[in-house]
Protein backbone atom coordinates (compact mmCIF):
# COMPACT_ATOMS: atom_id res chain seq x y z
CA UNK A 1 -14.04 -12.17 8.85
CA UNK A 2 -11.48 -14.71 8.11
CA UNK A 3 -11.08 -15.44 11.61
CA UNK A 4 -10.41 -12.05 12.91
CA UNK A 5 -12.24 -9.18 14.13
CA UNK A 6 -11.88 -6.30 11.34
CA UNK A 7 -12.43 -2.95 11.54
CA UNK A 8 -13.50 -0.89 8.64
CA UNK A 9 -15.29 2.42 7.71
CA UNK A 10 -17.50 2.72 4.70
CA UNK A 11 -18.35 6.23 3.21
CA UNK A 12 -20.53 7.28 0.07
CA UNK A 13 -22.32 5.53 -2.59
CA UNK A 14 -21.13 4.27 -6.15
CA UNK A 15 -18.70 1.71 -7.40
CA UNK A 16 -16.35 0.64 -4.68
CA UNK A 17 -12.89 1.81 -4.12
CA UNK A 18 -10.93 -0.26 -1.37
CA UNK A 19 -7.92 1.44 0.15
CA UNK A 20 -5.27 -0.75 1.50
CA UNK A 21 -2.78 0.87 3.92
CA UNK A 22 0.68 0.02 4.07
CA UNK A 23 2.98 -0.64 7.04
CA UNK A 24 2.68 0.87 10.76
CA UNK A 25 0.00 3.27 10.38
CA UNK A 26 -3.61 1.94 10.10
CA UNK A 27 -5.21 5.39 9.29
CA UNK A 28 -2.50 6.52 7.00
CA UNK A 29 -4.80 6.46 4.11
CA UNK A 30 -7.70 8.31 5.83
CA UNK A 31 -6.66 11.79 4.08
CA UNK A 32 -6.62 10.27 0.78
CA UNK A 33 -9.84 8.50 0.86
CA UNK A 34 -11.69 11.59 2.19
CA UNK A 35 -10.63 13.82 -0.77
CA UNK A 36 -13.49 15.30 -2.79
CA UNK A 37 -11.97 13.79 -6.02
CA UNK A 38 -13.36 10.23 -4.69
CA UNK A 39 -16.98 11.72 -3.81
CA UNK A 40 -18.73 9.76 -6.71
CA UNK A 41 -17.56 6.31 -5.13
CA UNK A 42 -18.07 4.22 -2.33
CA UNK A 43 -14.79 4.58 -0.34
CA UNK A 44 -13.80 1.54 1.94
CA UNK A 45 -11.01 1.68 4.55
CA UNK A 46 -10.22 -0.91 6.92
CA UNK A 47 -7.28 -1.66 9.40
CA UNK A 48 -5.13 -4.51 8.35
CA UNK A 49 -4.93 -7.50 10.75
CA UNK A 50 -2.94 -6.57 13.76
CA UNK A 51 -3.25 -2.80 13.32
CA UNK A 52 -5.52 -0.11 14.71
CA UNK A 53 -8.92 -1.94 15.71
CA UNK A 54 -8.60 -5.08 13.99
CA UNK A 55 -7.56 -8.22 15.46
CA UNK A 56 -4.39 -10.32 14.75
CA UNK A 57 -2.08 -11.99 14.74
CA UNK A 58 -0.17 -10.52 11.71
CA UNK A 59 -0.35 -12.47 8.50
CA UNK A 60 1.35 -13.11 5.33
CA UNK A 61 0.21 -11.32 1.87
CA UNK A 62 -1.73 -14.55 0.97
CA UNK A 63 -3.69 -14.26 4.35
CA UNK A 64 -4.26 -10.71 3.91
CA UNK A 65 -5.53 -11.02 0.57
CA UNK A 66 -8.14 -13.31 1.74
CA UNK A 67 -8.98 -10.94 4.60
CA UNK A 68 -9.79 -8.43 1.78
CA UNK A 69 -12.15 -11.07 0.15
CA UNK A 70 -13.77 -11.62 3.12
CA UNK A 71 -14.60 -7.96 3.71
CA UNK A 72 -15.80 -7.66 0.27
CA UNK A 73 -18.05 -10.42 0.58
CA UNK A 74 -19.11 -9.04 3.94
CA UNK A 75 -20.28 -6.01 2.24
CA UNK A 76 -21.78 -7.60 -0.94
CA UNK A 77 -19.05 -6.06 -3.19
CA UNK A 78 -18.42 -8.35 -5.99
CA UNK A 79 -15.50 -6.09 -7.76
CA UNK A 80 -13.73 -3.14 -6.31
CA UNK A 81 -11.02 -0.77 -7.44
CA UNK A 82 -8.03 -1.33 -5.44
CA UNK A 83 -5.58 1.51 -4.30
CA UNK A 84 -2.71 0.04 -2.13
CA UNK A 85 -0.05 2.00 -0.95
CA UNK A 86 3.60 0.75 0.04
CA UNK A 87 3.07 -2.82 1.63
CA UNK A 88 -0.63 -2.12 0.90
CA UNK A 89 0.17 -2.21 -2.86
CA UNK A 90 2.17 -5.24 -2.37
CA UNK A 91 -0.92 -7.02 -0.62
CA UNK A 92 -3.08 -5.76 -3.76
CA UNK A 93 -0.96 -7.26 -6.25
CA UNK A 94 -0.91 -10.59 -4.50
CA UNK A 95 -4.99 -10.23 -4.33
CA UNK A 96 -5.16 -9.17 -8.14
CA UNK A 97 -3.27 -12.24 -9.08
CA UNK A 98 -5.20 -14.63 -6.86
CA UNK A 99 -8.78 -13.22 -7.41
CA UNK A 100 -8.57 -11.44 -10.63
CA UNK A 101 -12.26 -11.56 -11.13
CA UNK A 102 -12.74 -9.38 -7.86
CA UNK A 103 -10.54 -6.39 -9.04
CA UNK A 104 -11.99 -3.89 -11.40
CA UNK A 105 -8.75 -1.73 -11.40
CA UNK A 106 -5.49 -1.62 -9.57
CA UNK A 107 -3.54 1.55 -8.33
CA UNK A 108 -0.06 0.78 -7.01
CA UNK A 109 1.35 3.52 -4.88
CA UNK A 110 5.00 2.61 -4.62
CA UNK A 111 5.30 -1.12 -3.70
CA UNK A 112 8.75 -2.27 -2.52
CA UNK A 113 9.86 -4.38 -5.52
CA UNK A 114 10.48 -8.14 -5.00
CA UNK A 115 14.00 -8.86 -3.35
CA UNK A 116 14.41 -11.52 -6.19
CA UNK A 117 14.03 -8.89 -8.62
CA UNK A 118 16.39 -6.51 -7.17
CA UNK A 119 19.05 -8.94 -6.94
CA UNK A 120 18.75 -10.07 -10.44
CA UNK A 121 18.67 -6.67 -12.03
CA UNK A 122 20.34 -3.09 -12.24
CA UNK A 123 19.19 -2.22 -8.81
CA UNK A 124 20.62 -4.86 -6.62
CA UNK A 125 22.66 -1.97 -4.98
CA UNK A 126 19.34 -1.18 -3.04
CA UNK A 127 19.45 -4.21 -1.08
CA UNK A 128 22.65 -2.68 0.41
CA UNK A 129 20.58 0.15 1.72
CA UNK A 130 17.28 -1.68 2.59
CA UNK A 131 19.05 -4.53 4.29
CA UNK A 132 20.92 -2.57 6.92
CA UNK A 133 17.87 -0.20 7.23
CA UNK A 134 15.66 -3.05 8.51
CA UNK A 135 18.42 -4.48 10.45
CA UNK A 136 19.10 -1.11 12.29
CA UNK A 137 15.15 -0.86 12.81
CA UNK A 138 14.96 -4.10 14.71
CA UNK A 139 18.00 -3.26 16.75
CA UNK A 140 16.43 -0.27 18.05
CA UNK A 141 13.21 -1.88 18.36
CA UNK A 142 14.59 -4.47 20.76
CA UNK A 143 16.27 -1.89 22.68
CA UNK A 144 12.87 -0.51 23.60
CA UNK A 145 13.28 2.50 21.26
CA UNK A 146 10.11 2.41 18.87
CA UNK A 147 10.42 5.76 17.59
CA UNK A 148 14.02 5.37 16.72
CA UNK A 149 13.45 2.05 14.88
CA UNK A 150 11.32 4.05 12.55
CA UNK A 151 13.94 6.67 12.19
CA UNK A 152 16.47 4.01 11.48
CA UNK A 153 13.89 2.67 8.54
CA UNK A 154 13.25 5.88 7.01
CA UNK A 155 16.07 8.02 7.46
CA UNK A 156 18.27 6.39 4.42
CA UNK A 157 15.70 7.90 2.14
CA UNK A 158 15.00 10.84 3.65
CA UNK A 159 11.57 10.46 4.84
CA UNK A 160 9.93 12.33 7.67
CA UNK A 161 7.73 9.63 9.13
CA UNK A 162 6.75 11.61 12.08
CA UNK A 163 5.50 14.76 10.02
CA UNK A 164 3.51 12.36 7.66
CA UNK A 165 1.92 10.37 10.51
CA UNK A 166 0.79 13.79 12.23
CA UNK A 167 -0.67 14.92 8.83
CA UNK A 168 -2.86 11.65 8.80
CA UNK A 169 -4.83 12.59 11.75
CA UNK A 170 -4.84 12.73 15.36
CA UNK A 171 -3.57 9.71 17.18
CA UNK A 172 -1.83 8.10 14.04
CA UNK A 173 1.72 8.73 15.60
CA UNK A 174 0.60 7.03 19.05
CA UNK A 175 -1.30 4.33 16.68
CA UNK A 176 2.21 3.49 14.86
CA UNK A 177 3.87 3.20 18.10
CA UNK A 178 1.21 0.76 19.61
CA UNK A 179 1.05 -1.44 16.56
CA UNK A 180 4.80 -1.71 16.15
CA UNK A 181 5.21 -5.44 17.01
CA UNK A 182 2.81 -6.10 14.12
CA UNK A 183 5.11 -4.69 11.55
CA UNK A 184 8.85 -5.33 13.00
CA UNK A 185 8.06 -8.88 14.56
CA UNK A 186 5.20 -9.95 12.35
CA UNK A 187 5.57 -8.49 8.72
CA UNK A 188 9.09 -6.96 8.12
CA UNK A 189 10.92 -10.33 7.06
CA UNK A 190 8.02 -10.87 4.61
CA UNK A 191 8.82 -7.59 2.94
CA UNK A 192 12.46 -8.41 2.61
CA UNK A 193 11.86 -11.96 1.45
CA UNK A 194 8.97 -11.24 -1.10
CA UNK A 195 9.04 -13.10 -4.38
CA UNK A 196 6.89 -11.76 -7.07
CA UNK A 197 7.14 -11.62 -10.85
CA UNK A 198 5.79 -11.66 -14.26
CA UNK A 199 4.42 -15.11 -13.69
CA UNK A 200 2.01 -13.85 -11.03
CA UNK A 201 1.20 -10.45 -12.62
CA UNK A 202 0.37 -12.59 -15.98
CA UNK A 203 -2.83 -13.53 -14.32
CA UNK A 204 -4.07 -9.97 -13.98
CA UNK A 205 -6.33 -8.63 -16.27
CA UNK A 206 -7.47 -5.32 -14.82
CA UNK A 207 -6.22 -2.14 -15.67
CA UNK A 208 -3.33 -0.78 -13.70
CA UNK A 209 -1.98 2.55 -12.64
CA UNK A 210 1.58 3.07 -11.37
CA UNK A 211 1.77 6.14 -8.84
CA UNK A 212 5.30 7.37 -7.88
CA UNK A 213 6.96 10.50 -6.76
CA UNK A 214 9.70 12.38 -8.39
CA UNK A 215 11.74 12.51 -5.36
CA UNK A 216 15.38 11.67 -4.77
CA UNK A 217 14.56 8.45 -3.21
CA UNK A 218 16.86 5.77 -4.54
CA UNK A 219 13.97 3.53 -4.39
CA UNK A 220 11.58 5.05 -6.76
CA UNK A 221 13.35 4.50 -10.17
CA UNK A 222 13.35 0.73 -9.10
CA UNK A 223 9.50 0.85 -8.05
CA UNK A 224 8.92 2.23 -11.84
CA UNK A 225 11.22 -0.13 -13.53
CA UNK A 226 9.65 -3.07 -11.66
CA UNK A 227 6.04 -2.01 -12.35
CA UNK A 228 6.95 -1.57 -16.18
CA UNK A 229 8.26 -5.11 -16.39
CA UNK A 230 5.29 -6.41 -14.80
CA UNK A 231 2.84 -4.33 -16.53
CA UNK A 232 4.25 -2.75 -19.75
CA UNK A 233 0.72 -1.46 -20.80
CA UNK A 234 0.26 -0.06 -17.23
CA UNK A 235 -0.64 3.92 -16.83
CA UNK A 236 1.71 6.02 -14.99
CA UNK A 237 1.55 9.00 -12.80
CA UNK A 238 4.74 10.83 -11.44
CA UNK A 239 3.86 13.30 -8.68
CA UNK A 240 6.45 16.28 -9.01
CA UNK A 241 7.78 17.44 -5.72
CA UNK A 242 6.32 14.66 -3.87
CA UNK A 243 7.50 11.55 -2.01
CA UNK A 244 6.48 8.29 -0.55
CA UNK A 245 4.36 10.13 2.06
CA UNK A 246 2.49 12.50 -0.22
CA UNK A 247 -0.44 10.39 0.61
CA UNK A 248 -0.77 12.23 3.62
CA UNK A 249 1.10 15.56 3.23
CA UNK A 250 -0.51 16.41 -0.17
CA UNK A 251 -3.58 14.03 -0.63
CA UNK A 252 -5.41 16.28 -2.97
CA UNK A 253 -2.44 15.93 -5.54
CA UNK A 254 -2.39 12.21 -5.01
CA UNK A 255 -6.28 11.50 -5.11
CA UNK A 256 -6.92 13.56 -8.42
CA UNK A 257 -5.11 11.32 -11.08
CA UNK A 258 -6.06 8.25 -9.16
CA UNK A 259 -9.78 9.20 -9.28
CA UNK A 260 -9.66 9.96 -12.58
CA UNK A 261 -8.19 6.70 -13.76
CA UNK A 262 -10.76 4.94 -11.50
CA UNK A 263 -13.63 6.84 -13.24
CA UNK A 264 -12.34 6.10 -16.87
CA UNK A 265 -12.25 2.27 -15.69
CA UNK A 266 -15.62 2.15 -13.90
CA UNK A 267 -18.31 -0.25 -15.05
CA UNK A 268 -20.33 2.75 -16.01
CA UNK A 269 -17.61 4.10 -18.33
CA UNK A 270 -17.72 0.65 -20.01
CA UNK A 271 -21.29 0.95 -20.76
CA UNK A 272 -20.88 4.46 -22.45
């Protein structure tokens, strides 16, 4: 599909909910997609290009949005509810702006704000955290220390990547080690250079849910402000005592408000 072999999994029946994983771990959203809260929907998970069992090479956000459209076409899905986590939420934003007629609802779980937006506003100091973290990650990766590279990336925000990957299921830690090149060599620079703002968001007409955790991670307030500026009418859920990796460590708590949002904005709900 779209020039690559793409691995995907479809479970259940009903309106389609497509889960878009973030960086590093192709099966990171498996615990979320398997929650009983989503049992009334067709759940679609896939491995983004260069991750897991999908072919490469790595691609930019526009290419990855086109990958999703090719997958939806292959599955004869006209419109889907998108649930994107981290980098996956950034891809979901690009897809929803480029193909608004294919999106029924949009759930965004802590996308990294656009660097140009950060630089121009009240959160410019975050660039002084993100830039060095990415540089340290690349340095340790080039030295052959992949696990250390991930430590360098997540340590400044206090996130335990290994515990989260283990919670996602057997083999997920090793999967992330194997796929390091896709993220570090192929995608990391695009995250830092991403440019997205109100002009792109203006083309999106589907309901939007902003999900975030009430942790002390300094990025979280910026994420909420970024999404509020893009979508003033968005709905918002904040998980108390959660963090960026709650999608694996506490998937039931993450799933329930998302499933409720998706249900309210389903085609069936619109007919009642």
